[in-house]
Protein backbone atom coordinates (compact mmCIF):
# COMPACT_ATOMS: atom_id res chain seq x y z
CA UNK A 1 144.88 131.96 59.93
CA UNK A 2 147.27 129.20 60.92
CA UNK A 3 146.00 125.65 60.83
CA UNK A 4 147.05 123.20 63.54
CA UNK A 5 146.25 119.71 64.75
CA UNK A 6 145.68 118.72 68.35
CA UNK A 7 145.14 115.43 70.14
CA UNK A 8 142.58 115.77 72.91
CA UNK A 9 141.40 113.06 75.29
CA UNK A 10 137.76 113.26 76.31
CA UNK A 11 135.28 111.03 78.10
CA UNK A 12 131.79 110.61 76.77
CA UNK A 13 128.95 108.50 78.12
CA UNK A 14 126.80 106.93 75.45
CA UNK A 15 123.50 105.22 76.18
CA UNK A 16 123.28 102.16 73.98
CA UNK A 17 120.03 100.53 72.79
CA UNK A 18 120.72 97.66 75.22
CA UNK A 19 120.93 100.11 78.14
CA UNK A 20 117.72 101.80 77.03
CA UNK A 21 116.00 98.42 76.96
CA UNK A 22 117.26 97.62 80.44
CA UNK A 23 116.02 100.98 81.79
CA UNK A 24 112.66 100.44 80.11
CA UNK A 25 112.10 96.97 81.59
CA UNK A 26 113.32 97.99 85.06
CA UNK A 27 110.64 100.62 85.50
CA UNK A 28 107.78 98.29 84.52
CA UNK A 29 105.69 96.66 87.28
CA UNK A 30 105.16 92.92 86.95
CA UNK A 31 101.81 93.23 85.15
CA UNK A 32 103.20 95.49 82.44
CA UNK A 33 106.39 93.43 82.25
CA UNK A 34 104.31 90.38 81.39
CA UNK A 35 102.69 92.29 78.52
CA UNK A 36 106.08 93.58 77.31
CA UNK A 37 107.46 90.03 77.17
CA UNK A 38 104.38 88.83 75.32
CA UNK A 39 104.69 91.66 72.79
CA UNK A 40 108.40 90.98 72.25
CA UNK A 41 107.76 87.27 71.69
CA UNK A 42 105.14 88.13 69.07
CA UNK A 43 107.37 90.63 67.23
CA UNK A 44 110.75 88.84 67.37
CA UNK A 45 110.87 85.28 65.93
CA UNK A 46 114.41 84.85 67.27
CA UNK A 47 113.09 84.94 70.84
CA UNK A 48 111.54 81.74 72.21
CA UNK A 49 110.10 80.48 75.48
CA UNK A 50 112.53 78.28 77.42
CA UNK A 51 110.14 77.48 80.27
CA UNK A 52 106.58 78.67 80.65
CA UNK A 53 105.38 78.73 84.27
CA UNK A 54 101.79 78.32 83.07
CA UNK A 55 102.44 75.56 80.55
CA UNK A 56 100.69 72.25 81.17
CA UNK A 57 103.16 69.68 82.47
CA UNK A 58 105.85 72.26 83.18
CA UNK A 59 107.92 71.48 86.25
CA UNK A 60 107.49 75.10 87.35
CA UNK A 61 103.74 75.27 86.84
CA UNK A 62 101.74 75.65 90.02
CA UNK A 63 98.36 73.97 90.51
CA UNK A 64 95.47 76.26 89.82
CA UNK A 65 93.99 77.22 93.15
CA UNK A 66 90.43 78.12 94.01
CA UNK A 67 91.52 81.74 94.51
CA UNK A 68 92.93 81.81 90.97
CA UNK A 69 89.58 80.65 89.66
CA UNK A 70 87.75 83.32 91.60
CA UNK A 71 90.13 86.02 90.37
CA UNK A 72 89.66 84.90 86.76
CA UNK A 73 85.89 84.97 87.21
CA UNK A 74 85.98 88.48 88.64
CA UNK A 75 88.18 89.71 85.80
CA UNK A 76 85.82 88.21 83.24
CA UNK A 77 82.72 89.91 84.64
CA UNK A 78 84.34 93.25 85.45
CA UNK A 79 83.38 94.92 82.17
CA UNK A 80 79.76 93.77 82.45
CA UNK A 81 79.06 95.73 85.61
CA UNK A 82 77.29 99.06 85.80
CA UNK A 83 78.90 102.44 86.31
CA UNK A 84 81.06 102.46 89.40
CA UNK A 85 81.15 105.28 91.90
CA UNK A 86 84.64 106.49 90.95
CA UNK A 87 83.73 106.37 87.23
CA UNK A 88 80.66 108.52 87.89
CA UNK A 89 82.58 110.99 90.03
CA UNK A 90 85.30 111.37 87.41
CA UNK A 91 82.67 111.96 84.74
CA UNK A 92 81.03 114.65 86.88
CA UNK A 93 84.36 116.35 87.57
CA UNK A 94 85.22 116.50 83.88
CA UNK A 95 81.78 117.93 83.08
CA UNK A 96 82.48 120.63 85.67
CA UNK A 97 85.71 121.59 83.91
CA UNK A 98 88.14 119.99 86.37
CA UNK A 99 91.34 118.91 84.61
CA UNK A 100 95.09 118.52 84.91
CA UNK A 101 96.66 118.28 88.36
CA UNK A 102 93.37 119.00 90.14
CA UNK A 103 91.71 116.10 88.31
CA UNK A 104 94.59 113.74 89.20
CA UNK A 105 94.23 114.58 92.91
CA UNK A 106 90.45 114.19 92.77
CA UNK A 107 90.89 110.82 91.04
CA UNK A 108 93.15 109.65 93.89
CA UNK A 109 90.45 110.62 96.40
CA UNK A 110 87.65 109.03 94.37
CA UNK A 111 89.49 105.74 94.05
CA UNK A 112 90.03 105.67 97.83
CA UNK A 113 86.34 105.89 98.78
CA UNK A 114 84.70 102.87 100.35
CA UNK A 115 81.38 101.35 99.27
CA UNK A 116 79.45 103.91 101.32
CA UNK A 117 81.22 106.82 99.63
CA UNK A 118 83.29 107.59 102.73
CA UNK A 119 86.90 108.71 102.66
CA UNK A 120 88.66 106.87 105.48
CA UNK A 121 92.16 106.96 104.07
CA UNK A 122 95.29 108.93 104.84
CA UNK A 123 96.57 111.91 102.87
CA UNK A 124 100.13 110.80 103.62
CA UNK A 125 99.50 107.45 101.89
CA UNK A 126 97.85 109.18 98.92
CA UNK A 127 100.83 111.54 98.60
CA UNK A 128 103.12 108.50 98.43
CA UNK A 129 100.99 106.89 95.72
CA UNK A 130 100.78 110.14 93.73
CA UNK A 131 104.55 110.63 93.96
CA UNK A 132 104.98 107.15 92.53
CA UNK A 133 102.63 108.10 89.69
CA UNK A 134 104.69 111.20 88.89
CA UNK A 135 102.48 113.83 90.58
CA UNK A 136 105.04 115.66 92.69
CA UNK A 137 104.84 118.13 95.55
CA UNK A 138 101.29 117.28 96.61
CA UNK A 139 100.21 118.74 99.96
CA UNK A 140 97.52 117.75 102.41
CA UNK A 141 95.77 121.06 101.73
CA UNK A 142 95.52 120.29 98.01
CA UNK A 143 94.03 116.87 98.75
CA UNK A 144 91.60 118.41 101.24
CA UNK A 145 90.45 120.87 98.55
CA UNK A 146 90.02 117.97 96.11
CA UNK A 147 88.00 116.01 98.66
CA UNK A 148 85.69 118.95 99.30
CA UNK A 149 85.26 119.42 95.55
CA UNK A 150 84.06 115.81 95.33
CA UNK A 151 81.63 116.39 98.20
CA UNK A 152 79.97 119.16 96.18
CA UNK A 153 79.23 117.14 93.03
CA UNK A 154 76.53 114.55 92.48
CA UNK A 155 75.93 112.46 94.55
CA UNK A 156 76.58 115.03 97.26
CA UNK A 157 78.25 113.77 100.39
CA UNK A 158 80.69 111.39 98.71
CA UNK A 159 84.15 111.93 100.15
CA UNK A 160 82.88 112.78 103.62
CA UNK A 161 84.87 111.39 106.51
CA UNK A 162 81.82 110.63 108.65
CA UNK A 163 78.03 110.68 108.64
CA UNK A 164 77.80 114.19 110.06
CA UNK A 165 79.97 115.66 107.32
CA UNK A 166 78.01 113.71 104.71
CA UNK A 167 74.73 115.23 105.92
CA UNK A 168 76.20 118.73 106.00
CA UNK A 169 77.26 118.41 102.37
CA UNK A 170 73.59 117.89 101.45
CA UNK A 171 72.27 120.80 103.52
CA UNK A 172 71.12 122.71 100.41
CA UNK A 173 68.27 120.17 100.11
CA UNK A 174 66.85 121.36 103.42
CA UNK A 175 64.53 124.42 103.34
CA UNK A 176 66.54 127.44 104.39
CA UNK A 177 64.37 128.25 107.37
CA UNK A 178 64.81 124.69 108.72
CA UNK A 179 68.58 124.54 108.38
CA UNK A 180 69.48 126.00 111.81
CA UNK A 181 67.45 123.28 113.55
CA UNK A 182 69.02 120.56 111.42
CA UNK A 183 72.52 121.96 112.00
CA UNK A 184 71.85 121.98 115.74
CA UNK A 185 70.66 118.39 115.56
CA UNK A 186 73.80 117.33 113.68
CA UNK A 187 76.01 119.05 116.25
CA UNK A 188 74.11 117.43 119.11
CA UNK A 189 74.16 113.88 117.80
CA UNK A 190 77.41 113.79 115.81
CA UNK A 191 78.38 110.51 117.41
CA UNK A 192 74.90 108.98 117.29
CA UNK A 193 73.68 109.76 113.78
CA UNK A 194 73.96 106.14 112.67
CA UNK A 195 71.58 104.97 115.42
CA UNK A 196 69.20 107.85 114.78
CA UNK A 197 68.94 107.09 111.06
CA UNK A 198 68.19 103.41 111.76
CA UNK A 199 65.42 104.46 114.15
CA UNK A 200 67.15 102.90 117.13
CA UNK A 201 67.07 106.15 119.03
CA UNK A 202 69.85 108.55 119.88
CA UNK A 203 71.65 109.11 123.14
CA UNK A 204 70.55 112.76 123.15
CA UNK A 205 67.23 114.53 122.70
CA UNK A 206 66.72 116.02 119.25
CA UNK A 207 63.89 117.83 117.56
CA UNK A 208 61.62 115.23 115.86
CA UNK A 209 61.10 117.58 112.92
CA UNK A 210 64.87 117.89 112.40
CA UNK A 211 65.23 114.12 112.58
CA UNK A 212 62.56 113.70 109.89
CA UNK A 213 64.44 116.12 107.66
CA UNK A 214 67.71 114.26 108.24
CA UNK A 215 66.01 111.07 107.07
CA UNK A 216 65.27 112.71 103.71
CA UNK A 217 69.02 112.96 103.07
CA UNK A 218 71.22 110.14 101.80
CA UNK A 219 73.52 108.83 104.54
CA UNK A 220 75.43 106.47 102.21
CA UNK A 221 75.60 108.11 98.76
CA UNK A 222 78.19 105.62 97.52
CA UNK A 223 75.61 102.83 97.65
CA UNK A 224 73.71 104.44 94.79
CA UNK A 225 76.39 103.12 92.44
CA UNK A 226 78.23 99.89 91.89
CA UNK A 227 81.12 99.28 94.21
CA UNK A 228 84.47 100.26 92.69
CA UNK A 229 86.01 97.68 90.42
CA UNK A 230 88.69 95.71 92.14
CA UNK A 231 92.17 96.58 90.92
CA UNK A 232 94.36 93.60 91.70
CA UNK A 233 97.82 94.71 92.78
CA UNK A 234 100.48 92.14 91.93
CA UNK A 235 103.56 92.67 94.13
CA UNK A 236 107.00 92.51 92.52
CA UNK A 237 108.73 91.87 95.83
CA UNK A 238 107.83 89.40 98.60
CA UNK A 239 109.18 89.91 102.13
CA UNK A 240 108.60 87.34 104.88
CA UNK A 241 108.49 87.90 108.64
CA UNK A 242 112.25 87.33 108.92
CA UNK A 243 113.07 90.01 106.36
CA UNK A 244 113.97 87.60 103.58
CA UNK A 245 113.42 89.18 100.16
CA UNK A 246 112.31 87.50 96.95
CA UNK A 247 111.56 89.15 93.60
CA UNK A 248 108.50 87.49 92.11
CA UNK A 249 108.58 87.14 88.33
CA UNK A 250 105.05 85.77 88.43
CA UNK A 251 104.11 83.98 85.22
CA UNK A 252 106.79 85.71 83.13
CA UNK A 253 108.40 82.85 81.13
CA UNK A 254 112.10 82.12 80.87
CA UNK A 255 113.39 83.00 77.41
CA UNK A 256 116.05 81.71 75.02
CA UNK A 257 117.52 82.78 71.69
CA UNK A 258 116.39 80.66 68.74
CA UNK A 259 119.15 78.31 67.59
CA UNK A 260 117.58 78.36 64.12
CA UNK A 261 118.07 82.12 63.77
CA UNK A 262 121.62 81.92 65.13
CA UNK A 263 122.46 79.45 62.36
CA UNK A 264 120.71 81.62 59.77
CA UNK A 265 122.86 84.60 60.79
CA UNK A 266 126.00 82.51 60.13
CA UNK A 267 124.83 80.63 57.01
CA UNK A 268 126.91 81.89 54.04
CA UNK A 269 124.56 80.15 51.63
CA UNK A 270 121.86 82.69 52.42
CA UNK A 271 121.80 86.14 50.85
CA UNK A 272 123.27 89.02 52.81
CA UNK A 273 119.90 90.66 53.44
CA UNK A 274 118.48 87.52 55.07
CA UNK A 275 121.63 87.05 57.17
CA UNK A 276 121.52 90.67 58.27
CA UNK A 277 117.85 90.35 59.28
CA UNK A 278 118.55 87.16 61.26
CA UNK A 279 121.58 88.74 62.95
CA UNK A 280 119.56 91.82 63.96
CA UNK A 281 116.77 89.65 65.41
CA UNK A 282 119.30 87.54 67.32
CA UNK A 283 121.02 90.65 68.69
CA UNK A 284 117.75 92.10 69.95
CA UNK A 285 116.66 88.74 71.42
CA UNK A 286 119.91 88.50 73.39
CA UNK A 287 119.64 92.08 74.62
CA UNK A 288 116.04 91.61 75.70
CA UNK A 289 116.78 88.35 77.52
CA UNK A 290 119.82 89.86 79.26
CA UNK A 291 117.83 92.98 80.21
CA UNK A 292 115.15 90.76 81.75
CA UNK A 293 117.76 88.93 83.84
CA UNK A 294 119.40 92.19 84.93
CA UNK A 295 116.01 93.62 85.89
CA UNK A 296 115.50 90.82 88.40
CA UNK A 297 119.05 91.11 89.75
CA UNK A 298 118.73 94.90 90.15
CA UNK A 299 115.32 94.61 91.83
CA UNK A 300 116.71 92.02 94.27
CA UNK A 301 119.77 94.12 95.06
CA UNK A 302 117.76 97.28 95.75
CA UNK A 303 114.88 95.57 97.58
CA UNK A 304 117.28 93.71 99.88
CA UNK A 305 119.07 96.94 100.76
CA UNK A 306 115.80 98.80 101.40
CA UNK A 307 114.38 96.07 103.65
CA UNK A 308 117.70 95.74 105.49
CA UNK A 309 117.64 99.49 106.22
CA UNK A 310 114.02 99.46 107.40
CA UNK A 311 113.76 96.51 109.83
CA UNK A 312 111.41 98.46 112.08
CA UNK A 313 108.63 98.33 109.49
CA UNK A 314 108.06 94.59 109.98
CA UNK A 315 107.74 95.13 113.73
CA UNK A 316 105.92 98.46 114.02
CA UNK A 317 104.56 99.26 110.56
CA UNK A 318 104.77 102.87 109.35
CA UNK A 319 105.85 104.03 112.81
CA UNK A 320 109.01 101.93 112.45
CA UNK A 321 110.24 103.66 109.30
CA UNK A 322 113.45 105.66 109.67
CA UNK A 323 115.01 108.24 107.39
CA UNK A 324 116.10 106.66 104.12
CA UNK A 325 116.82 108.34 100.80
CA UNK A 326 117.34 106.88 97.35
CA UNK A 327 120.88 108.25 97.21
CA UNK A 328 121.80 106.24 100.35
CA UNK A 329 120.47 103.03 98.78
CA UNK A 330 122.18 103.86 95.48
CA UNK A 331 125.58 104.22 97.19
CA UNK A 332 125.20 100.93 99.04
CA UNK A 333 123.88 99.06 95.98
CA UNK A 334 126.57 100.63 93.75
CA UNK A 335 124.15 102.06 91.22
CA UNK A 336 122.72 105.46 90.32
CA UNK A 337 119.83 107.26 92.01
CA UNK A 338 117.97 107.08 88.68
CA UNK A 339 118.25 103.28 88.78
CA UNK A 340 116.81 103.16 92.30
CA UNK A 341 114.00 105.49 91.23
CA UNK A 342 113.14 103.29 88.24
CA UNK A 343 113.24 100.15 90.38
CA UNK A 344 110.87 101.67 92.93
CA UNK A 345 108.45 103.22 90.44
CA UNK A 346 104.97 101.64 90.59
CA UNK A 347 106.30 98.55 92.36
CA UNK A 348 104.58 96.96 95.36
CA UNK A 349 105.98 94.90 98.22
CA UNK A 350 103.99 92.18 99.97
CA UNK A 351 104.90 92.07 103.65
CA UNK A 352 103.39 90.46 106.76
CA UNK A 353 101.89 93.91 107.39
CA UNK A 354 100.19 94.12 104.02
CA UNK A 355 101.05 95.13 100.48
CA UNK A 356 102.54 98.62 100.18
CA UNK A 357 104.32 100.66 97.48
CA UNK A 358 108.09 100.17 97.45
CA UNK A 359 108.46 103.96 97.56
CA UNK A 360 106.75 103.89 100.98
CA UNK A 361 110.08 102.81 102.48
CA UNK A 362 111.85 105.99 101.35
CA UNK A 363 111.20 108.74 103.91
CA UNK A 364 112.96 111.99 104.74
CA UNK A 365 112.30 111.88 108.50
CA UNK A 366 111.77 109.18 111.11
CA UNK A 367 108.10 108.24 111.07
CA UNK A 368 107.62 107.33 114.75
CA UNK A 369 106.88 110.95 115.85
CA UNK A 370 104.79 111.57 112.73
CA UNK A 371 102.64 108.50 113.40
CA UNK A 372 102.30 109.49 117.07
CA UNK A 373 101.09 112.93 115.99
CA UNK A 374 98.64 111.29 113.57
CA UNK A 375 97.23 109.18 116.44
CA UNK A 376 96.80 112.31 118.55
CA UNK A 377 95.02 114.18 115.77
CA UNK A 378 92.70 111.26 115.04
CA UNK A 379 91.77 110.97 118.73
CA UNK A 380 90.60 114.59 118.96
CA UNK A 381 86.77 114.59 119.15
CA UNK A 382 84.85 116.29 116.35
CA UNK A 383 84.34 119.98 117.03
CA UNK A 384 87.15 120.21 119.58
CA UNK A 385 89.84 122.75 118.75
CA UNK A 386 93.40 121.93 119.76
CA UNK A 387 96.18 124.40 118.97
CA UNK A 388 99.58 123.51 117.53
CA UNK A 389 101.22 124.63 120.77
CA UNK A 390 99.06 122.27 122.81
CA UNK A 391 99.92 119.43 120.46
CA UNK A 392 103.60 120.30 120.76
CA UNK A 393 103.35 120.02 124.54
CA UNK A 394 101.54 116.68 124.28
CA UNK A 395 104.20 115.35 121.93
CA UNK A 396 106.97 116.37 124.34
CA UNK A 397 105.17 114.58 127.20
CA UNK A 398 104.90 111.49 124.98
CA UNK A 399 108.67 111.51 124.51
CA UNK A 400 108.83 113.16 121.08
CA UNK A 401 110.32 116.65 121.10
CA UNK A 402 108.50 118.55 118.36
CA UNK A 403 108.36 122.34 118.02
CA UNK A 404 105.09 124.16 117.36
CA UNK A 405 106.14 125.02 113.79
CA UNK A 406 107.01 121.39 113.12
CA UNK A 407 103.62 120.32 114.45
CA UNK A 408 101.93 122.82 112.15
CA UNK A 409 103.90 121.55 109.16
CA UNK A 410 103.06 117.89 109.71
CA UNK A 411 99.49 118.69 110.70
CA UNK A 412 98.96 120.24 107.29
CA UNK A 413 100.82 117.42 105.55
CA UNK A 414 98.65 114.81 107.30
CA UNK A 415 95.51 116.67 106.27
CA UNK A 416 94.23 117.71 109.70
């Protein structure tokens, strides 16, 4: 076999440790970023604090407000409270063998319940949150199944959308022979159950015996447990009414590389092992500091582009969102789709219309017709059946051309 030599030109992309550090910091929300900086300061003596926003006498330190004091108090007492409703529900689900994806969906429902145990949220919003948490391809039907699973466990009725549904979830506590009368009473007074339970009288005549049985059920099962612990969401991005964007670093300090360790790395009087250690610490300190700076610059660049492409949100809310993909933002911001995805992961934006996930601004279709359909579905009285074709006709009259199949698709996605 003849031997030969060849010169071949190839291109190879190598991910350096510095790039890995930058990717790692970019995907952290502000709360976890603060902990990462703290951990790095503790482990690397070559990294020092240049300016600490919380330091006494610092020019950047803000006066401690009354709200800050209240938040600190709440955080201090959080672990001393009793079992919360969502903690109890999760415990019950695990005892019933629920796990994996089904448990993740049930957890999203449980965390969305109000103090009464009601689910008043939107499946579309939950799908957005779950996507941000890495649970992909969730449908409204899956979330509906998870909600009904929660309604079946103790305390029964949690997860119901209204009082009538809450009572129906507890129907097994009613003697079987009495259930038809109670069901009839629920159907008759679906809109007046709250008044009936308080003894204020209902707008319709109901069987007194059925009313007495209804009063043996629990109308607000969530009140049997502590209200859910408050999870404080700290936004990474602040947007004002004019669309101006600011990335909030919170109380993350400004960092510097230790001059002492820089000199140690150059000092020929020290042994080679000590110099090598100092040089390695200095290298990592510089990479970490630069990655922290680039994180802020990248977040600003992407957030500004996203807000600029979604001006309708500040005026109309979710109905003002137009089609926007991560690849479109990546092209405009001159970065990769993976970078946009990392920047948007688990980040929140505080706007005049509330604090929402950054991923909420990425949508595949214009949201105006979707929100109009949601309004139509929510306005349909309980027990009234409206077909997809009828909804399609109503949408067309409202100025949104939407085929019956499209209505059916979004109806399922919205959880109706």
